[in-house]
Amino acid sequence: MARRSKKETQKMFKAIAVLLRNTTWKCGRIERLVVGYLQNHLRRQGKPRSSIKDMIQHFKLQGKQKSEFYDALRRLEKRRIIKIE
């Protein structure tokens, strides 16, 4: 894993995650948490999107957990389960 630049991290922090498909097949623990959070957000507010900043605050992530969270978001985007805008 290469270290991300501060600019890339800040860009990701301000981004919005949009749920495209409601599946967690072959997903890890963090990926399932993200998809579950977006599903609940859709049920409560009628929108399949949430800011990444809100998710980090909701899960109370710090340090290494944040980098694992960003990696999980990238994997979900690569598998076309979410879209990062």
Protein backbone atom coordinates (compact mmCIF):
# COMPACT_ATOMS: atom_id res chain seq x y z
CA MET A 1 0.00 0.00 0.00
CA ALA A 2 1.38 3.33 -1.04
CA ARG A 3 0.83 6.36 1.11
CA ARG A 4 -1.74 8.78 -0.29
CA SER A 5 -0.99 12.45 -0.72
CA LYS A 6 -2.75 14.97 1.49
CA LYS A 7 -4.51 16.44 -1.56
CA GLU A 8 -5.97 13.07 -2.55
CA THR A 9 -7.08 12.33 1.02
CA GLN A 10 -8.81 15.71 1.34
CA LYS A 11 -10.52 15.20 -2.01
CA MET A 12 -11.82 11.83 -0.83
CA PHE A 13 -12.89 13.33 2.52
CA LYS A 14 -15.11 15.91 0.75
CA ALA A 15 -16.58 13.39 -1.73
CA ILE A 16 -20.01 11.77 -1.74
CA ALA A 17 -20.63 8.02 -1.93
CA VAL A 18 -23.66 6.86 -3.95
CA LEU A 19 -25.07 3.35 -3.61
CA LEU A 20 -25.47 1.73 -7.04
CA ARG A 21 -26.16 -1.91 -6.15
CA ASN A 22 -27.47 -3.40 -2.96
CA THR A 23 -25.12 -6.37 -2.59
CA THR A 24 -22.43 -7.42 -0.14
CA TRP A 25 -21.43 -10.71 -1.75
CA LYS A 26 -17.70 -11.38 -1.21
CA CYS A 27 -17.30 -8.14 0.75
CA GLY A 28 -15.26 -7.65 3.87
CA ARG A 29 -16.44 -6.29 7.20
CA ILE A 30 -15.83 -2.63 6.41
CA GLU A 31 -17.45 -2.90 2.98
CA ARG A 32 -20.57 -4.43 4.54
CA LEU A 33 -20.71 -1.60 7.09
CA VAL A 34 -20.53 1.01 4.30
CA VAL A 35 -23.23 -0.66 2.19
CA GLY A 36 -25.44 -1.11 5.27
CA TYR A 37 -24.99 2.55 6.21
CA LEU A 38 -25.98 3.66 2.69
CA GLN A 39 -28.99 1.29 2.72
CA ASN A 40 -30.20 2.76 6.02
CA HIS A 41 -29.61 6.26 4.70
CA LEU A 42 -31.78 5.41 1.68
CA ARG A 43 -34.56 4.06 3.90
CA ARG A 44 -34.56 7.01 6.26
CA GLN A 45 -34.00 9.96 3.94
CA GLY A 46 -34.90 8.59 0.52
CA LYS A 47 -31.45 9.25 -0.94
CA PRO A 48 -28.90 6.53 -1.73
CA ARG A 49 -26.02 8.96 -1.09
CA SER A 50 -24.04 10.23 1.85
CA SER A 51 -20.87 12.24 2.32
CA ILE A 52 -17.76 10.33 3.28
CA LYS A 53 -17.14 12.84 6.06
CA ASP A 54 -20.47 11.86 7.66
CA MET A 55 -19.60 8.15 7.42
CA ILE A 56 -16.21 8.70 9.09
CA GLN A 57 -17.89 10.58 11.93
CA HIS A 58 -20.62 7.93 12.24
CA PHE A 59 -18.12 5.04 12.46
CA LYS A 60 -15.73 7.10 14.69
CA LEU A 61 -12.66 6.18 12.63
CA GLN A 62 -9.14 7.27 13.55
CA GLY A 63 -5.65 6.72 12.17
CA LYS A 64 -5.14 3.38 10.46
CA GLN A 65 -8.87 2.70 10.48
CA LYS A 66 -9.37 5.70 8.18
CA SER A 67 -6.91 4.36 5.62
CA GLU A 68 -8.58 0.94 5.73
CA PHE A 69 -11.92 2.69 5.26
CA TYR A 70 -10.62 4.57 2.20
CA ASP A 71 -9.26 1.30 0.77
CA ALA A 72 -12.65 -0.35 1.31
CA LEU A 73 -14.37 2.51 -0.53
CA ARG A 74 -11.97 2.09 -3.46
CA ARG A 75 -12.68 -1.66 -3.59
CA LEU A 76 -16.44 -1.02 -3.57
CA GLU A 77 -16.05 1.53 -6.35
CA LYS A 78 -13.91 -0.88 -8.37
CA ARG A 79 -16.61 -3.55 -8.05
CA ARG A 80 -19.25 -0.97 -9.08
CA ILE A 81 -21.26 -1.26 -5.88
CA ILE A 82 -20.83 2.42 -5.01
CA LYS A 83 -19.84 5.50 -6.97
CA ILE A 84 -17.67 8.23 -5.48
CA GLU A 85 -18.54 11.71 -6.72
